[in-house]
């Protein structure tokens, strides 16, 4: 592999990582917000 191919591959991996982390952040925040309301109403966290 040439240096250019290695750099392109690393860039692609970083882009995928950013997208996956962003997607996980969005999917994690929504359930947490939904779970926080019922939990705080039923029993406040310690």
PDB file of N, CA and C in Angstrom:
ATOM      1  N   UNK A   1       0.845  -1.199   0.000  1.00  0.00           N
ATOM      2  CA  UNK A   1       0.000   0.000   0.000  1.00  0.00           C
ATOM      3  C   UNK A   1       0.881   1.249   0.000  1.00  0.00           C
ATOM      4  N   UNK A   2       0.428   2.241  -0.699  1.00  0.00           N
ATOM      5  CA  UNK A   2       1.180   3.490  -0.729  1.00  0.00           C
ATOM      6  C   UNK A   2       0.780   4.354   0.463  1.00  0.00           C
ATOM      7  N   UNK A   3       1.582   5.370   0.723  1.00  0.00           N
ATOM      8  CA  UNK A   3       1.294   6.275   1.832  1.00  0.00           C
ATOM      9  C   UNK A   3      -0.065   6.937   1.634  1.00  0.00           C
ATOM     10  N   UNK A   4      -0.383   7.269   0.380  1.00  0.00           N
ATOM     11  CA  UNK A   4      -1.671   7.907   0.085  1.00  0.00           C
ATOM     12  C   UNK A   4      -2.826   6.975   0.447  1.00  0.00           C
ATOM     13  N   UNK A   5      -2.674   5.691   0.107  1.00  0.00           N
ATOM     14  CA  UNK A   5      -3.732   4.727   0.421  1.00  0.00           C
ATOM     15  C   UNK A   5      -3.897   4.574   1.929  1.00  0.00           C
ATOM     16  N   UNK A   6      -2.778   4.573   2.651  1.00  0.00           N
ATOM     17  CA  UNK A   6      -2.840   4.443   4.111  1.00  0.00           C
ATOM     18  C   UNK A   6      -3.554   5.645   4.710  1.00  0.00           C
ATOM     19  N   UNK A   7      -3.214   6.844   4.241  1.00  0.00           N
ATOM     20  CA  UNK A   7      -3.847   8.061   4.760  1.00  0.00           C
ATOM     21  C   UNK A   7      -5.337   8.069   4.442  1.00  0.00           C
ATOM     22  N   UNK A   8      -5.697   7.651   3.238  1.00  0.00           N
ATOM     23  CA  UNK A   8      -7.110   7.615   2.865  1.00  0.00           C
ATOM     24  C   UNK A   8      -7.859   6.615   3.746  1.00  0.00           C
ATOM     25  N   UNK A   9      -7.236   5.464   4.018  1.00  0.00           N
ATOM     26  CA  UNK A   9      -7.866   4.446   4.850  1.00  0.00           C
ATOM     27  C   UNK A   9      -8.066   4.967   6.272  1.00  0.00           C
ATOM     28  N   UNK A  10      -7.036   5.615   6.824  1.00  0.00           N
ATOM     29  CA  UNK A  10      -7.144   6.161   8.176  1.00  0.00           C
ATOM     30  C   UNK A  10      -8.225   7.233   8.228  1.00  0.00           C
ATOM     31  N   UNK A  11      -8.280   8.074   7.205  1.00  0.00           N
ATOM     32  CA  UNK A  11      -9.306   9.119   7.155  1.00  0.00           C
ATOM     33  C   UNK A  11     -10.692   8.506   7.126  1.00  0.00           C
ATOM     34  N   UNK A  12     -10.841   7.437   6.356  1.00  0.00           N
ATOM     35  CA  UNK A  12     -12.137   6.766   6.259  1.00  0.00           C
ATOM     36  C   UNK A  12     -12.529   6.173   7.608  1.00  0.00           C
ATOM     37  N   UNK A  13     -11.564   5.555   8.286  1.00  0.00           N
ATOM     38  CA  UNK A  13     -11.837   4.960   9.598  1.00  0.00           C
ATOM     39  C   UNK A  13     -12.257   6.042  10.591  1.00  0.00           C
ATOM     40  N   UNK A  14     -11.563   7.177  10.561  1.00  0.00           N
ATOM     41  CA  UNK A  14     -11.893   8.272  11.480  1.00  0.00           C
ATOM     42  C   UNK A  14     -13.294   8.804  11.187  1.00  0.00           C
ATOM     43  N   UNK A  15     -13.613   8.966   9.894  1.00  0.00           N
ATOM     44  CA  UNK A  15     -14.936   9.471   9.527  1.00  0.00           C
ATOM     45  C   UNK A  15     -16.023   8.511  10.015  1.00  0.00           C
ATOM     46  N   UNK A  16     -15.806   7.203   9.805  1.00  0.00           N
ATOM     47  CA  UNK A  16     -16.789   6.208  10.252  1.00  0.00           C
ATOM     48  C   UNK A  16     -16.920   6.260  11.775  1.00  0.00           C
ATOM     49  N   UNK A  17     -15.793   6.391  12.464  1.00  0.00           N
ATOM     50  CA  UNK A  17     -15.817   6.466  13.927  1.00  0.00           C
ATOM     51  C   UNK A  17     -16.607   7.663  14.415  1.00  0.00           C
ATOM     52  N   UNK A  18     -16.411   8.816  13.773  1.00  0.00           N
ATOM     53  CA  UNK A  18     -17.141  10.028  14.168  1.00  0.00           C
ATOM     54  C   UNK A  18     -18.637   9.846  13.938  1.00  0.00           C
ATOM     55  N   UNK A  19     -18.991   9.272  12.783  1.00  0.00           N
ATOM     56  CA  UNK A  19     -20.411   9.067  12.468  1.00  0.00           C
ATOM     57  C   UNK A  19     -21.035   8.088  13.458  1.00  0.00           C
ATOM     58  N   UNK A  20     -20.328   6.988  13.737  1.00  0.00           N
ATOM     59  CA  UNK A  20     -20.862   5.979  14.659  1.00  0.00           C
ATOM     60  C   UNK A  20     -21.004   6.571  16.059  1.00  0.00           C
ATOM     61  N   UNK A  21     -19.979   7.318  16.516  1.00  0.00           N
ATOM     62  CA  UNK A  21     -20.060   7.916  17.853  1.00  0.00           C
ATOM     63  C   UNK A  21     -21.197   8.923  17.914  1.00  0.00           C
ATOM     64  N   UNK A  22     -21.353   9.725  16.867  1.00  0.00           N
ATOM     65  CA  UNK A  22     -22.444  10.698  16.836  1.00  0.00           C
ATOM     66  C   UNK A  22     -23.787  10.001  16.853  1.00  0.00           C
ATOM     67  N   UNK A  23     -23.900   8.908  16.084  1.00  0.00           N
ATOM     68  CA  UNK A  23     -25.160   8.155  16.039  1.00  0.00           C
ATOM     69  C   UNK A  23     -25.458   7.540  17.404  1.00  0.00           C
ATOM     70  N   UNK A  24     -24.423   6.963  18.048  1.00  0.00           N
ATOM     71  CA  UNK A  24     -24.610   6.368  19.369  1.00  0.00           C
ATOM     72  C   UNK A  24     -24.999   7.436  20.379  1.00  0.00           C
ATOM     73  N   UNK A  25     -24.394   8.630  20.263  1.00  0.00           N
ATOM     74  CA  UNK A  25     -24.727   9.716  21.185  1.00  0.00           C
ATOM     75  C   UNK A  25     -26.185  10.104  21.063  1.00  0.00           C
ATOM     76  N   UNK A  26     -26.681  10.188  19.822  1.00  0.00           N
ATOM     77  CA  UNK A  26     -28.083  10.565  19.601  1.00  0.00           C
ATOM     78  C   UNK A  26     -29.008   9.474  20.120  1.00  0.00           C
ATOM     79  N   UNK A  27     -28.694   8.219  19.819  1.00  0.00           N
ATOM     80  CA  UNK A  27     -29.569   7.119  20.234  1.00  0.00           C
ATOM     81  C   UNK A  27     -29.511   6.926  21.748  1.00  0.00           C
ATOM     82  N   UNK A  28     -28.394   7.267  22.374  1.00  0.00           N
ATOM     83  CA  UNK A  28     -28.294   7.119  23.827  1.00  0.00           C
ATOM     84  C   UNK A  28     -29.041   8.242  24.540  1.00  0.00           C
ATOM     85  N   UNK A  29     -28.963   9.458  23.999  1.00  0.00           N
ATOM     86  CA  UNK A  29     -29.588  10.598  24.670  1.00  0.00           C
ATOM     87  C   UNK A  29     -31.104  10.460  24.683  1.00  0.00           C
ATOM     88  N   UNK A  30     -31.699  10.011  23.588  1.00  0.00           N
ATOM     89  CA  UNK A  30     -33.162   9.940  23.512  1.00  0.00           C
ATOM     90  C   UNK A  30     -33.734   8.964  24.548  1.00  0.00           C
ATOM     91  N   UNK A  31     -33.237   7.717  24.632  1.00  0.00           N
ATOM     92  CA  UNK A  31     -33.775   6.808  25.658  1.00  0.00           C
ATOM     93  C   UNK A  31     -33.518   7.327  27.069  1.00  0.00           C
ATOM     94  N   UNK A  32     -32.358   7.960  27.298  1.00  0.00           N
ATOM     95  CA  UNK A  32     -32.055   8.473  28.632  1.00  0.00           C
ATOM     96  C   UNK A  32     -33.069   9.539  29.023  1.00  0.00           C
ATOM     97  N   UNK A  33     -33.406  10.423  28.099  1.00  0.00           N
ATOM     98  CA  UNK A  33     -34.381  11.473  28.397  1.00  0.00           C
ATOM     99  C   UNK A  33     -35.744  10.860  28.710  1.00  0.00           C
ATOM    100  N   UNK A  34     -36.124   9.831  27.957  1.00  0.00           N
ATOM    101  CA  UNK A  34     -37.416   9.186  28.184  1.00  0.00           C
ATOM    102  C   UNK A  34     -37.414   8.445  29.525  1.00  0.00           C
ATOM    103  N   UNK A  35     -36.275   7.827  29.885  1.00  0.00           N
ATOM    104  CA  UNK A  35     -36.212   7.061  31.124  1.00  0.00           C
ATOM    105  C   UNK A  35     -36.101   7.977  32.337  1.00  0.00           C
ATOM    106  N   UNK A  36     -35.484   9.144  32.158  1.00  0.00           N
ATOM    107  CA  UNK A  36     -35.287  10.049  33.289  1.00  0.00           C
ATOM    108  C   UNK A  36     -36.625  10.528  33.849  1.00  0.00           C
ATOM    109  N   UNK A  37     -37.574  10.848  32.975  1.00  0.00           N
ATOM    110  CA  UNK A  37     -38.852  11.405  33.441  1.00  0.00           C
ATOM    111  C   UNK A  37     -39.626  10.413  34.320  1.00  0.00           C
ATOM    112  N   UNK A  38     -39.873   9.172  33.854  1.00  0.00           N
ATOM    113  CA  UNK A  38     -40.618   8.223  34.693  1.00  0.00           C
ATOM    114  C   UNK A  38     -39.858   7.894  35.975  1.00  0.00           C
ATOM    115  N   UNK A  39     -38.541   7.747  35.891  1.00  0.00           N
ATOM    116  CA  UNK A  39     -37.758   7.400  37.075  1.00  0.00           C
ATOM    117  C   UNK A  39     -37.840   8.516  38.111  1.00  0.00           C
ATOM    118  N   UNK A  40     -37.693   9.760  37.671  1.00  0.00           N
ATOM    119  CA  UNK A  40     -37.710  10.874  38.616  1.00  0.00           C
ATOM    120  C   UNK A  40     -39.105  11.016  39.228  1.00  0.00           C
ATOM    121  N   UNK A  41     -40.154  10.684  38.457  1.00  0.00           N
ATOM    122  CA  UNK A  41     -41.514  10.778  38.988  1.00  0.00           C
ATOM    123  C   UNK A  41     -41.782   9.639  39.986  1.00  0.00           C
ATOM    124  N   UNK A  42     -41.357   8.428  39.638  1.00  0.00           N
ATOM    125  CA  UNK A  42     -41.641   7.267  40.479  1.00  0.00           C
ATOM    126  C   UNK A  42     -40.717   7.264  41.699  1.00  0.00           C
ATOM    127  N   UNK A  43     -39.406   7.276  41.460  1.00  0.00           N
ATOM    128  CA  UNK A  43     -38.449   7.246  42.565  1.00  0.00           C
ATOM    129  C   UNK A  43     -37.230   8.073  42.177  1.00  0.00           C
ATOM    130  N   UNK A  44     -36.941   9.126  42.912  1.00  0.00           N
ATOM    131  CA  UNK A  44     -35.769   9.950  42.585  1.00  0.00           C
ATOM    132  C   UNK A  44     -34.481   9.159  42.776  1.00  0.00           C
ATOM    133  N   UNK A  45     -33.486   9.371  41.925  1.00  0.00           N
ATOM    134  CA  UNK A  45     -32.205   8.643  42.067  1.00  0.00           C
ATOM    135  C   UNK A  45     -31.491   9.038  43.346  1.00  0.00           C
ATOM    136  N   UNK A  46     -30.719   8.111  43.899  1.00  0.00           N
ATOM    137  CA  UNK A  46     -30.011   8.379  45.156  1.00  0.00           C
ATOM    138  C   UNK A  46     -28.931   9.409  44.950  1.00  0.00           C
TER     139      UNK A  46
END
